[in-house]
Amino acid sequence: MGKQTTEMLKGVLEGVVLAILSGSPAYGYEITGWLREWGFSDIAEGTVYALLVRIEQRGLVDVEKVPSEKGPPRKVFTLNAQGREYLEEFWKTWSFLTERLEQLREGGN
């Protein structure tokens, strides 16, 4: 990924992670793996974990500690009702922005 892609992704990563969690609960390493599978290979685990802490503090996810076969319990994140509302607003904003950017690319009309 180039620097421009990385910078743009920072602005939408929260929505991307919430979209992942809308499909099924997951823990940080799973989310990072999914992002890498989809080509976001430059995203550091630390970035994802910091984001998960922020969305937990904002009340967008519920967290459950689940025993792990390797090491300490894992924090599994589940999108809650408040998170679903936030994600819905994210998609509305995304649609608005992409429509306007397409208009600009096509000549501004």
PDB file of N, CA and C in Angstrom:
ATOM      1  N   MET A   1       0.838  -1.182   0.000  1.00  0.00           N
ATOM      2  CA  MET A   1       0.000   0.000   0.000  1.00  0.00           C
ATOM      3  C   MET A   1       0.877   1.237   0.000  1.00  0.00           C
ATOM      4  N   GLY A   2       0.455   2.218  -0.739  1.00  0.00           N
ATOM      5  CA  GLY A   2       1.184   3.462  -0.765  1.00  0.00           C
ATOM      6  C   GLY A   2       0.796   4.358   0.391  1.00  0.00           C
ATOM      7  N   LYS A   3       1.582   5.405   0.584  1.00  0.00           N
ATOM      8  CA  LYS A   3       1.338   6.338   1.682  1.00  0.00           C
ATOM      9  C   LYS A   3      -0.051   6.974   1.586  1.00  0.00           C
ATOM     10  N   GLN A   4      -0.465   7.345   0.370  1.00  0.00           N
ATOM     11  CA  GLN A   4      -1.775   7.967   0.203  1.00  0.00           C
ATOM     12  C   GLN A   4      -2.897   7.005   0.609  1.00  0.00           C
ATOM     13  N   THR A   5      -2.782   5.753   0.209  1.00  0.00           N
ATOM     14  CA  THR A   5      -3.787   4.753   0.578  1.00  0.00           C
ATOM     15  C   THR A   5      -3.834   4.579   2.089  1.00  0.00           C
ATOM     16  N   THR A   6      -2.677   4.501   2.713  1.00  0.00           N
ATOM     17  CA  THR A   6      -2.609   4.338   4.160  1.00  0.00           C
ATOM     18  C   THR A   6      -3.287   5.507   4.869  1.00  0.00           C
ATOM     19  N   GLU A   7      -3.011   6.722   4.421  1.00  0.00           N
ATOM     20  CA  GLU A   7      -3.601   7.906   5.046  1.00  0.00           C
ATOM     21  C   GLU A   7      -5.118   7.929   4.867  1.00  0.00           C
ATOM     22  N   MET A   8      -5.582   7.585   3.678  1.00  0.00           N
ATOM     23  CA  MET A   8      -7.026   7.577   3.437  1.00  0.00           C
ATOM     24  C   MET A   8      -7.711   6.496   4.266  1.00  0.00           C
ATOM     25  N   LEU A   9      -7.063   5.353   4.389  1.00  0.00           N
ATOM     26  CA  LEU A   9      -7.640   4.252   5.148  1.00  0.00           C
ATOM     27  C   LEU A   9      -7.789   4.606   6.624  1.00  0.00           C
ATOM     28  N   LYS A  10      -6.862   5.388   7.153  1.00  0.00           N
ATOM     29  CA  LYS A  10      -6.962   5.790   8.565  1.00  0.00           C
ATOM     30  C   LYS A  10      -8.290   6.467   8.847  1.00  0.00           C
ATOM     31  N   GLY A  11      -8.783   7.217   7.877  1.00  0.00           N
ATOM     32  CA  GLY A  11     -10.035   7.937   8.062  1.00  0.00           C
ATOM     33  C   GLY A  11     -11.270   7.055   8.045  1.00  0.00           C
ATOM     34  N   VAL A  12     -11.158   5.878   7.466  1.00  0.00           N
ATOM     35  CA  VAL A  12     -12.328   5.003   7.353  1.00  0.00           C
ATOM     36  C   VAL A  12     -12.149   3.669   8.068  1.00  0.00           C
ATOM     37  N   LEU A  13     -11.007   3.455   8.675  1.00  0.00           N
ATOM     38  CA  LEU A  13     -10.729   2.160   9.297  1.00  0.00           C
ATOM     39  C   LEU A  13     -11.753   1.795  10.369  1.00  0.00           C
ATOM     40  N   GLU A  14     -12.200   2.774  11.123  1.00  0.00           N
ATOM     41  CA  GLU A  14     -13.202   2.498  12.152  1.00  0.00           C
ATOM     42  C   GLU A  14     -14.458   1.892  11.527  1.00  0.00           C
ATOM     43  N   GLY A  15     -14.937   2.489  10.445  1.00  0.00           N
ATOM     44  CA  GLY A  15     -16.108   1.961   9.760  1.00  0.00           C
ATOM     45  C   GLY A  15     -15.858   0.578   9.192  1.00  0.00           C
ATOM     46  N   VAL A  16     -14.656   0.354   8.665  1.00  0.00           N
ATOM     47  CA  VAL A  16     -14.304  -0.954   8.115  1.00  0.00           C
ATOM     48  C   VAL A  16     -14.349  -2.021   9.215  1.00  0.00           C
ATOM     49  N   VAL A  17     -13.786  -1.719  10.361  1.00  0.00           N
ATOM     50  CA  VAL A  17     -13.779  -2.680  11.473  1.00  0.00           C
ATOM     51  C   VAL A  17     -15.199  -2.934  11.978  1.00  0.00           C
ATOM     52  N   LEU A  18     -16.004  -1.883  12.079  1.00  0.00           N
ATOM     53  CA  LEU A  18     -17.391  -2.076  12.501  1.00  0.00           C
ATOM     54  C   LEU A  18     -18.154  -2.926  11.486  1.00  0.00           C
ATOM     55  N   ALA A  19     -17.864  -2.738  10.205  1.00  0.00           N
ATOM     56  CA  ALA A  19     -18.505  -3.555   9.168  1.00  0.00           C
ATOM     57  C   ALA A  19     -18.101  -5.018   9.318  1.00  0.00           C
ATOM     58  N   ILE A  20     -16.835  -5.256   9.634  1.00  0.00           N
ATOM     59  CA  ILE A  20     -16.382  -6.633   9.877  1.00  0.00           C
ATOM     60  C   ILE A  20     -17.161  -7.232  11.037  1.00  0.00           C
ATOM     61  N   LEU A  21     -17.291  -6.469  12.106  1.00  0.00           N
ATOM     62  CA  LEU A  21     -17.979  -6.970  13.296  1.00  0.00           C
ATOM     63  C   LEU A  21     -19.483  -7.117  13.082  1.00  0.00           C
ATOM     64  N   SER A  22     -20.034  -6.435  12.084  1.00  0.00           N
ATOM     65  CA  SER A  22     -21.463  -6.587  11.810  1.00  0.00           C
ATOM     66  C   SER A  22     -21.756  -7.983  11.257  1.00  0.00           C
ATOM     67  N   GLY A  23     -20.732  -8.626  10.687  1.00  0.00           N
ATOM     68  CA  GLY A  23     -20.894  -9.979  10.165  1.00  0.00           C
ATOM     69  C   GLY A  23     -20.824 -11.040  11.234  1.00  0.00           C
ATOM     70  N   SER A  24     -19.887 -10.855  12.170  1.00  0.00           N
ATOM     71  CA  SER A  24     -19.755 -11.816  13.264  1.00  0.00           C
ATOM     72  C   SER A  24     -18.790 -11.264  14.302  1.00  0.00           C
ATOM     73  N   PRO A  25     -18.934 -11.702  15.551  1.00  0.00           N
ATOM     74  CA  PRO A  25     -17.991 -11.285  16.586  1.00  0.00           C
ATOM     75  C   PRO A  25     -16.585 -11.737  16.224  1.00  0.00           C
ATOM     76  N   ALA A  26     -15.590 -10.986  16.683  1.00  0.00           N
ATOM     77  CA  ALA A  26     -14.202 -11.342  16.384  1.00  0.00           C
ATOM     78  C   ALA A  26     -13.283 -10.719  17.422  1.00  0.00           C
ATOM     79  N   TYR A  27     -12.075 -11.257  17.504  1.00  0.00           N
ATOM     80  CA  TYR A  27     -11.054 -10.666  18.365  1.00  0.00           C
ATOM     81  C   TYR A  27     -10.022  -9.976  17.475  1.00  0.00           C
ATOM     82  N   GLY A  28      -9.171  -9.185  18.089  1.00  0.00           N
ATOM     83  CA  GLY A  28      -8.257  -8.321  17.357  1.00  0.00           C
ATOM     84  C   GLY A  28      -7.421  -8.998  16.297  1.00  0.00           C
ATOM     85  N   TYR A  29      -6.832 -10.122  16.625  1.00  0.00           N
ATOM     86  CA  TYR A  29      -5.968 -10.810  15.667  1.00  0.00           C
ATOM     87  C   TYR A  29      -6.766 -11.295  14.459  1.00  0.00           C
ATOM     88  N   GLU A  30      -8.007 -11.751  14.701  1.00  0.00           N
ATOM     89  CA  GLU A  30      -8.868 -12.177  13.594  1.00  0.00           C
ATOM     90  C   GLU A  30      -9.169 -11.004  12.659  1.00  0.00           C
ATOM     91  N   ILE A  31      -9.455  -9.859  13.242  1.00  0.00           N
ATOM     92  CA  ILE A  31      -9.767  -8.673  12.446  1.00  0.00           C
ATOM     93  C   ILE A  31      -8.556  -8.268  11.617  1.00  0.00           C
ATOM     94  N   THR A  32      -7.394  -8.269  12.228  1.00  0.00           N
ATOM     95  CA  THR A  32      -6.163  -7.938  11.500  1.00  0.00           C
ATOM     96  C   THR A  32      -5.936  -8.921  10.363  1.00  0.00           C
ATOM     97  N   GLY A  33      -6.151 -10.204  10.610  1.00  0.00           N
ATOM     98  CA  GLY A  33      -5.998 -11.220   9.572  1.00  0.00           C
ATOM     99  C   GLY A  33      -6.959 -10.998   8.417  1.00  0.00           C
ATOM    100  N   TRP A  34      -8.190 -10.683   8.735  1.00  0.00           N
ATOM    101  CA  TRP A  34      -9.179 -10.431   7.696  1.00  0.00           C
ATOM    102  C   TRP A  34      -8.752  -9.228   6.844  1.00  0.00           C
ATOM    103  N   LEU A  35      -8.314  -8.163   7.507  1.00  0.00           N
ATOM    104  CA  LEU A  35      -7.859  -6.978   6.775  1.00  0.00           C
ATOM    105  C   LEU A  35      -6.708  -7.327   5.836  1.00  0.00           C
ATOM    106  N   ARG A  36      -5.788  -8.120   6.317  1.00  0.00           N
ATOM    107  CA  ARG A  36      -4.638  -8.524   5.485  1.00  0.00           C
ATOM    108  C   ARG A  36      -5.088  -9.380   4.301  1.00  0.00           C
ATOM    109  N   GLU A  37      -6.047 -10.269   4.528  1.00  0.00           N
ATOM    110  CA  GLU A  37      -6.568 -11.085   3.435  1.00  0.00           C
ATOM    111  C   GLU A  37      -7.176 -10.221   2.335  1.00  0.00           C
ATOM    112  N   TRP A  38      -7.751  -9.103   2.721  1.00  0.00           N
ATOM    113  CA  TRP A  38      -8.390  -8.197   1.777  1.00  0.00           C
ATOM    114  C   TRP A  38      -7.409  -7.182   1.201  1.00  0.00           C
ATOM    115  N   GLY A  39      -6.129  -7.352   1.467  1.00  0.00           N
ATOM    116  CA  GLY A  39      -5.121  -6.516   0.833  1.00  0.00           C
ATOM    117  C   GLY A  39      -4.615  -5.355   1.659  1.00  0.00           C
ATOM    118  N   PHE A  40      -5.101  -5.196   2.868  1.00  0.00           N
ATOM    119  CA  PHE A  40      -4.641  -4.116   3.741  1.00  0.00           C
ATOM    120  C   PHE A  40      -3.462  -4.605   4.574  1.00  0.00           C
ATOM    121  N   SER A  41      -2.401  -4.982   3.887  1.00  0.00           N
ATOM    122  CA  SER A  41      -1.278  -5.651   4.533  1.00  0.00           C
ATOM    123  C   SER A  41      -0.425  -4.745   5.407  1.00  0.00           C
ATOM    124  N   ASP A  42      -0.507  -3.444   5.211  1.00  0.00           N
ATOM    125  CA  ASP A  42       0.334  -2.520   5.976  1.00  0.00           C
ATOM    126  C   ASP A  42      -0.271  -2.104   7.318  1.00  0.00           C
ATOM    127  N   ILE A  43      -1.460  -2.578   7.618  1.00  0.00           N
ATOM    128  CA  ILE A  43      -2.087  -2.197   8.884  1.00  0.00           C
ATOM    129  C   ILE A  43      -1.473  -3.012  10.014  1.00  0.00           C
ATOM    130  N   ALA A  44      -0.915  -2.314  10.965  1.00  0.00           N
ATOM    131  CA  ALA A  44      -0.272  -2.974  12.101  1.00  0.00           C
ATOM    132  C   ALA A  44      -1.323  -3.444  13.104  1.00  0.00           C
ATOM    133  N   GLU A  45      -1.017  -4.546  13.773  1.00  0.00           N
ATOM    134  CA  GLU A  45      -1.918  -5.046  14.811  1.00  0.00           C
ATOM    135  C   GLU A  45      -2.185  -3.979  15.863  1.00  0.00           C
ATOM    136  N   GLY A  46      -1.154  -3.222  16.205  1.00  0.00           N
ATOM    137  CA  GLY A  46      -1.306  -2.171  17.211  1.00  0.00           C
ATOM    138  C   GLY A  46      -2.343  -1.137  16.818  1.00  0.00           C
ATOM    139  N   THR A  47      -2.430  -0.846  15.530  1.00  0.00           N
ATOM    140  CA  THR A  47      -3.431   0.109  15.038  1.00  0.00           C
ATOM    141  C   THR A  47      -4.830  -0.437  15.262  1.00  0.00           C
ATOM    142  N   VAL A  48      -5.010  -1.712  14.965  1.00  0.00           N
ATOM    143  CA  VAL A  48      -6.317  -2.341  15.141  1.00  0.00           C
ATOM    144  C   VAL A  48      -6.678  -2.411  16.622  1.00  0.00           C
ATOM    145  N   TYR A  49      -5.722  -2.791  17.461  1.00  0.00           N
ATOM    146  CA  TYR A  49      -6.012  -2.887  18.893  1.00  0.00           C
ATOM    147  C   TYR A  49      -6.354  -1.525  19.493  1.00  0.00           C
ATOM    148  N   ALA A  50      -5.656  -0.482  19.083  1.00  0.00           N
ATOM    149  CA  ALA A  50      -5.959   0.867  19.578  1.00  0.00           C
ATOM    150  C   ALA A  50      -7.361   1.292  19.142  1.00  0.00           C
ATOM    151  N   LEU A  51      -7.719   0.966  17.916  1.00  0.00           N
ATOM    152  CA  LEU A  51      -9.045   1.291  17.418  1.00  0.00           C
ATOM    153  C   LEU A  51     -10.111   0.528  18.212  1.00  0.00           C
ATOM    154  N   LEU A  52      -9.861  -0.747  18.503  1.00  0.00           N
ATOM    155  CA  LEU A  52     -10.820  -1.534  19.280  1.00  0.00           C
ATOM    156  C   LEU A  52     -11.030  -0.949  20.670  1.00  0.00           C
ATOM    157  N   VAL A  53      -9.974  -0.461  21.281  1.00  0.00           N
ATOM    158  CA  VAL A  53     -10.107   0.180  22.591  1.00  0.00           C
ATOM    159  C   VAL A  53     -11.005   1.412  22.471  1.00  0.00           C
ATOM    160  N   ARG A  54     -10.791   2.215  21.427  1.00  0.00           N
ATOM    161  CA  ARG A  54     -11.588   3.430  21.234  1.00  0.00           C
ATOM    162  C   ARG A  54     -13.066   3.113  21.013  1.00  0.00           C
ATOM    163  N   ILE A  55     -13.360   2.123  20.160  1.00  0.00           N
ATOM    164  CA  ILE A  55     -14.773   1.838  19.907  1.00  0.00           C
ATOM    165  C   ILE A  55     -15.433   1.175  21.119  1.00  0.00           C
ATOM    166  N   GLU A  56     -14.637   0.478  21.921  1.00  0.00           N
ATOM    167  CA  GLU A  56     -15.179  -0.075  23.171  1.00  0.00           C
ATOM    168  C   GLU A  56     -15.505   1.067  24.133  1.00  0.00           C
ATOM    169  N   GLN A  57     -14.609   2.024  24.272  1.00  0.00           N
ATOM    170  CA  GLN A  57     -14.828   3.156  25.171  1.00  0.00           C
ATOM    171  C   GLN A  57     -16.029   3.997  24.739  1.00  0.00           C
ATOM    172  N   ARG A  58     -16.275   4.058  23.446  1.00  0.00           N
ATOM    173  CA  ARG A  58     -17.406   4.825  22.928  1.00  0.00           C
ATOM    174  C   ARG A  58     -18.719   4.054  22.986  1.00  0.00           C
ATOM    175  N   GLY A  59     -18.674   2.808  23.422  1.00  0.00           N
ATOM    176  CA  GLY A  59     -19.881   2.015  23.605  1.00  0.00           C
ATOM    177  C   GLY A  59     -20.459   1.439  22.324  1.00  0.00           C
ATOM    178  N   LEU A  60     -19.624   1.272  21.290  1.00  0.00           N
ATOM    179  CA  LEU A  60     -20.111   0.757  20.006  1.00  0.00           C
ATOM    180  C   LEU A  60     -20.072  -0.761  19.918  1.00  0.00           C
ATOM    181  N   VAL A  61     -19.376  -1.390  20.859  1.00  0.00           N
ATOM    182  CA  VAL A  61     -19.245  -2.847  20.866  1.00  0.00           C
ATOM    183  C   VAL A  61     -19.417  -3.372  22.283  1.00  0.00           C
ATOM    184  N   ASP A  62     -19.807  -4.632  22.344  1.00  0.00           N
ATOM    185  CA  ASP A  62     -19.808  -5.350  23.609  1.00  0.00           C
ATOM    186  C   ASP A  62     -18.578  -6.255  23.587  1.00  0.00           C
ATOM    187  N   VAL A  63     -17.995  -6.476  24.750  1.00  0.00           N
ATOM    188  CA  VAL A  63     -16.767  -7.262  24.836  1.00  0.00           C
ATOM    189  C   VAL A  63     -16.967  -8.419  25.803  1.00  0.00           C
ATOM    190  N   GLU A  64     -16.509  -9.585  25.379  1.00  0.00           N
ATOM    191  CA  GLU A  64     -16.560 -10.770  26.226  1.00  0.00           C
ATOM    192  C   GLU A  64     -15.176 -11.398  26.224  1.00  0.00           C
ATOM    193  N   LYS A  65     -14.700 -11.740  27.387  1.00  0.00           N
ATOM    194  CA  LYS A  65     -13.423 -12.452  27.473  1.00  0.00           C
ATOM    195  C   LYS A  65     -13.688 -13.941  27.328  1.00  0.00           C
ATOM    196  N   VAL A  66     -13.006 -14.530  26.345  1.00  0.00           N
ATOM    197  CA  VAL A  66     -13.201 -15.936  26.024  1.00  0.00           C
ATOM    198  C   VAL A  66     -11.878 -16.661  26.259  1.00  0.00           C
ATOM    199  N   PRO A  67     -11.921 -17.802  26.979  1.00  0.00           N
ATOM    200  CA  PRO A  67     -10.676 -18.540  27.206  1.00  0.00           C
ATOM    201  C   PRO A  67      -9.974 -18.898  25.895  1.00  0.00           C
ATOM    202  N   SER A  68      -8.660 -18.871  25.950  1.00  0.00           N
ATOM    203  CA  SER A  68      -7.849 -19.206  24.780  1.00  0.00           C
ATOM    204  C   SER A  68      -6.989 -20.419  25.101  1.00  0.00           C
ATOM    205  N   GLU A  69      -6.781 -21.247  24.096  1.00  0.00           N
ATOM    206  CA  GLU A  69      -5.904 -22.404  24.290  1.00  0.00           C
ATOM    207  C   GLU A  69      -4.456 -21.969  24.426  1.00  0.00           C
ATOM    208  N   LYS A  70      -4.154 -20.804  23.879  1.00  0.00           N
ATOM    209  CA  LYS A  70      -2.785 -20.272  23.922  1.00  0.00           C
ATOM    210  C   LYS A  70      -2.792 -18.933  24.641  1.00  0.00           C
ATOM    211  N   GLY A  71      -2.354 -18.905  25.857  1.00  0.00           N
ATOM    212  CA  GLY A  71      -2.207 -17.646  26.563  1.00  0.00           C
ATOM    213  C   GLY A  71      -3.457 -17.155  27.266  1.00  0.00           C
ATOM    214  N   PRO A  72      -3.498 -15.850  27.511  1.00  0.00           N
ATOM    215  CA  PRO A  72      -4.603 -15.262  28.279  1.00  0.00           C
ATOM    216  C   PRO A  72      -5.910 -15.274  27.484  1.00  0.00           C
ATOM    217  N   PRO A  73      -7.026 -15.017  28.166  1.00  0.00           N
ATOM    218  CA  PRO A  73      -8.318 -14.974  27.464  1.00  0.00           C
ATOM    219  C   PRO A  73      -8.313 -13.908  26.367  1.00  0.00           C
ATOM    220  N   ARG A  74      -9.079 -14.160  25.335  1.00  0.00           N
ATOM    221  CA  ARG A  74      -9.207 -13.209  24.228  1.00  0.00           C
ATOM    222  C   ARG A  74     -10.409 -12.316  24.461  1.00  0.00           C
ATOM    223  N   LYS A  75     -10.277 -11.069  24.061  1.00  0.00           N
ATOM    224  CA  LYS A  75     -11.406 -10.154  24.095  1.00  0.00           C
ATOM    225  C   LYS A  75     -12.120 -10.248  22.749  1.00  0.00           C
ATOM    226  N   VAL A  76     -13.332 -10.775  22.792  1.00  0.00           N
ATOM    227  CA  VAL A  76     -14.132 -10.908  21.577  1.00  0.00           C
ATOM    228  C   VAL A  76     -15.100  -9.734  21.519  1.00  0.00           C
ATOM    229  N   PHE A  77     -15.089  -9.042  20.387  1.00  0.00           N
ATOM    230  CA  PHE A  77     -15.884  -7.839  20.194  1.00  0.00           C
ATOM    231  C   PHE A  77     -17.116  -8.158  19.362  1.00  0.00           C
ATOM    232  N   THR A  78     -18.271  -7.677  19.834  1.00  0.00           N
ATOM    233  CA  THR A  78     -19.541  -7.858  19.140  1.00  0.00           C
ATOM    234  C   THR A  78     -20.171  -6.491  18.935  1.00  0.00           C
ATOM    235  N   LEU A  79     -20.599  -6.220  17.729  1.00  0.00           N
ATOM    236  CA  LEU A  79     -21.259  -4.958  17.438  1.00  0.00           C
ATOM    237  C   LEU A  79     -22.601  -4.923  18.155  1.00  0.00           C
ATOM    238  N   ASN A  80     -22.855  -3.861  18.910  1.00  0.00           N
ATOM    239  CA  ASN A  80     -24.124  -3.735  19.628  1.00  0.00           C
ATOM    240  C   ASN A  80     -25.045  -2.766  18.878  1.00  0.00           C
ATOM    241  N   ALA A  81     -26.212  -2.474  19.465  1.00  0.00           N
ATOM    242  CA  ALA A  81     -27.204  -1.617  18.800  1.00  0.00           C
ATOM    243  C   ALA A  81     -26.639  -0.229  18.496  1.00  0.00           C
ATOM    244  N   GLN A  82     -25.923   0.351  19.442  1.00  0.00           N
ATOM    245  CA  GLN A  82     -25.328   1.667  19.220  1.00  0.00           C
ATOM    246  C   GLN A  82     -24.297   1.614  18.092  1.00  0.00           C
ATOM    247  N   GLY A  83     -23.535   0.539  18.043  1.00  0.00           N
ATOM    248  CA  GLY A  83     -22.557   0.357  16.978  1.00  0.00           C
ATOM    249  C   GLY A  83     -23.218   0.180  15.621  1.00  0.00           C
ATOM    250  N   ARG A  84     -24.351  -0.517  15.600  1.00  0.00           N
ATOM    251  CA  ARG A  84     -25.076  -0.699  14.336  1.00  0.00           C
ATOM    252  C   ARG A  84     -25.618   0.639  13.824  1.00  0.00           C
ATOM    253  N   GLU A  85     -26.116   1.468  14.727  1.00  0.00           N
ATOM    254  CA  GLU A  85     -26.578   2.808  14.334  1.00  0.00           C
ATOM    255  C   GLU A  85     -25.417   3.626  13.778  1.00  0.00           C
ATOM    256  N   TYR A  86     -24.281   3.557  14.453  1.00  0.00           N
ATOM    257  CA  TYR A  86     -23.101   4.298  13.999  1.00  0.00           C
ATOM    258  C   TYR A  86     -22.655   3.793  12.627  1.00  0.00           C
ATOM    259  N   LEU A  87     -22.671   2.480  12.432  1.00  0.00           N
ATOM    260  CA  LEU A  87     -22.271   1.902  11.151  1.00  0.00           C
ATOM    261  C   LEU A  87     -23.235   2.326  10.046  1.00  0.00           C
ATOM    262  N   GLU A  88     -24.515   2.374  10.337  1.00  0.00           N
ATOM    263  CA  GLU A  88     -25.499   2.829   9.350  1.00  0.00           C
ATOM    264  C   GLU A  88     -25.197   4.268   8.925  1.00  0.00           C
ATOM    265  N   GLU A  89     -24.880   5.108   9.893  1.00  0.00           N
ATOM    266  CA  GLU A  89     -24.518   6.496   9.583  1.00  0.00           C
ATOM    267  C   GLU A  89     -23.217   6.555   8.782  1.00  0.00           C
ATOM    268  N   PHE A  90     -22.271   5.699   9.112  1.00  0.00           N
ATOM    269  CA  PHE A  90     -21.018   5.625   8.360  1.00  0.00           C
ATOM    270  C   PHE A  90     -21.299   5.326   6.892  1.00  0.00           C
ATOM    271  N   TRP A  91     -22.172   4.338   6.612  1.00  0.00           N
ATOM    272  CA  TRP A  91     -22.476   3.977   5.229  1.00  0.00           C
ATOM    273  C   TRP A  91     -23.184   5.110   4.497  1.00  0.00           C
ATOM    274  N   LYS A  92     -24.057   5.838   5.194  1.00  0.00           N
ATOM    275  CA  LYS A  92     -24.712   6.999   4.569  1.00  0.00           C
ATOM    276  C   LYS A  92     -23.668   8.047   4.195  1.00  0.00           C
ATOM    277  N   THR A  93     -22.762   8.317   5.109  1.00  0.00           N
ATOM    278  CA  THR A  93     -21.702   9.290   4.849  1.00  0.00           C
ATOM    279  C   THR A  93     -20.814   8.804   3.711  1.00  0.00           C
ATOM    280  N   TRP A  94     -20.466   7.527   3.708  1.00  0.00           N
ATOM    281  CA  TRP A  94     -19.636   6.949   2.657  1.00  0.00           C
ATOM    282  C   TRP A  94     -20.312   7.128   1.294  1.00  0.00           C
ATOM    283  N   SER A  95     -21.610   6.835   1.224  1.00  0.00           N
ATOM    284  CA  SER A  95     -22.340   6.989  -0.033  1.00  0.00           C
ATOM    285  C   SER A  95     -22.329   8.440  -0.507  1.00  0.00           C
ATOM    286  N   PHE A  96     -22.571   9.358   0.404  1.00  0.00           N
ATOM    287  CA  PHE A  96     -22.543  10.777   0.071  1.00  0.00           C
ATOM    288  C   PHE A  96     -21.186  11.169  -0.510  1.00  0.00           C
ATOM    289  N   LEU A  97     -20.124  10.782   0.189  1.00  0.00           N
ATOM    290  CA  LEU A  97     -18.773  11.154  -0.255  1.00  0.00           C
ATOM    291  C   LEU A  97     -18.408  10.521  -1.587  1.00  0.00           C
ATOM    292  N   THR A  98     -18.712   9.245  -1.764  1.00  0.00           N
ATOM    293  CA  THR A  98     -18.339   8.588  -3.015  1.00  0.00           C
ATOM    294  C   THR A  98     -19.116   9.162  -4.195  1.00  0.00           C
ATOM    295  N   GLU A  99     -20.381   9.518  -3.979  1.00  0.00           N
ATOM    296  CA  GLU A  99     -21.158  10.148  -5.054  1.00  0.00           C
ATOM    297  C   GLU A  99     -20.534  11.479  -5.457  1.00  0.00           C
ATOM    298  N   ARG A 100     -20.152  12.284  -4.472  1.00  0.00           N
ATOM    299  CA  ARG A 100     -19.555  13.592  -4.768  1.00  0.00           C
ATOM    300  C   ARG A 100     -18.195  13.450  -5.436  1.00  0.00           C
ATOM    301  N   LEU A 101     -17.408  12.480  -4.995  1.00  0.00           N
ATOM    302  CA  LEU A 101     -16.098  12.269  -5.608  1.00  0.00           C
ATOM    303  C   LEU A 101     -16.245  11.795  -7.050  1.00  0.00           C
ATOM    304  N   GLU A 102     -17.219  10.944  -7.314  1.00  0.00           N
ATOM    305  CA  GLU A 102     -17.461  10.513  -8.689  1.00  0.00           C
ATOM    306  C   GLU A 102     -17.853  11.694  -9.571  1.00  0.00           C
ATOM    307  N   GLN A 103     -18.680  12.586  -9.024  1.00  0.00           N
ATOM    308  CA  GLN A 103     -19.070  13.777  -9.769  1.00  0.00           C
ATOM    309  C   GLN A 103     -17.853  14.630 -10.106  1.00  0.00           C
ATOM    310  N   LEU A 104     -16.978  14.794  -9.133  1.00  0.00           N
ATOM    311  CA  LEU A 104     -15.759  15.576  -9.369  1.00  0.00           C
ATOM    312  C   LEU A 104     -14.876  14.918 -10.424  1.00  0.00           C
ATOM    313  N   ARG A 105     -14.739  13.616 -10.340  1.00  0.00           N
ATOM    314  CA  ARG A 105     -13.898  12.899 -11.293  1.00  0.00           C
ATOM    315  C   ARG A 105     -14.458  13.001 -12.713  1.00  0.00           C
ATOM    316  N   GLU A 106     -15.777  13.049 -12.804  1.00  0.00           N
ATOM    317  CA  GLU A 106     -16.413  13.099 -14.126  1.00  0.00           C
ATOM    318  C   GLU A 106     -16.544  14.528 -14.660  1.00  0.00           C
ATOM    319  N   GLY A 107     -15.960  15.480 -13.975  1.00  0.00           N
ATOM    320  CA  GLY A 107     -15.978  16.837 -14.484  1.00  0.00           C
ATOM    321  C   GLY A 107     -16.721  17.848 -13.643  1.00  0.00           C
ATOM    322  N   GLY A 108     -17.124  17.448 -12.478  1.00  0.00           N
ATOM    323  CA  GLY A 108     -17.710  18.405 -11.558  1.00  0.00           C
ATOM    324  C   GLY A 108     -19.198  18.593 -11.632  1.00  0.00           C
ATOM    325  N   ASN A 109     -19.900  17.848 -12.457  1.00  0.00           N
ATOM    326  CA  ASN A 109     -21.357  18.030 -12.557  1.00  0.00           C
ATOM    327  C   ASN A 109     -22.085  16.892 -11.887  1.00  0.00           C
TER     328      ASN A 109
END
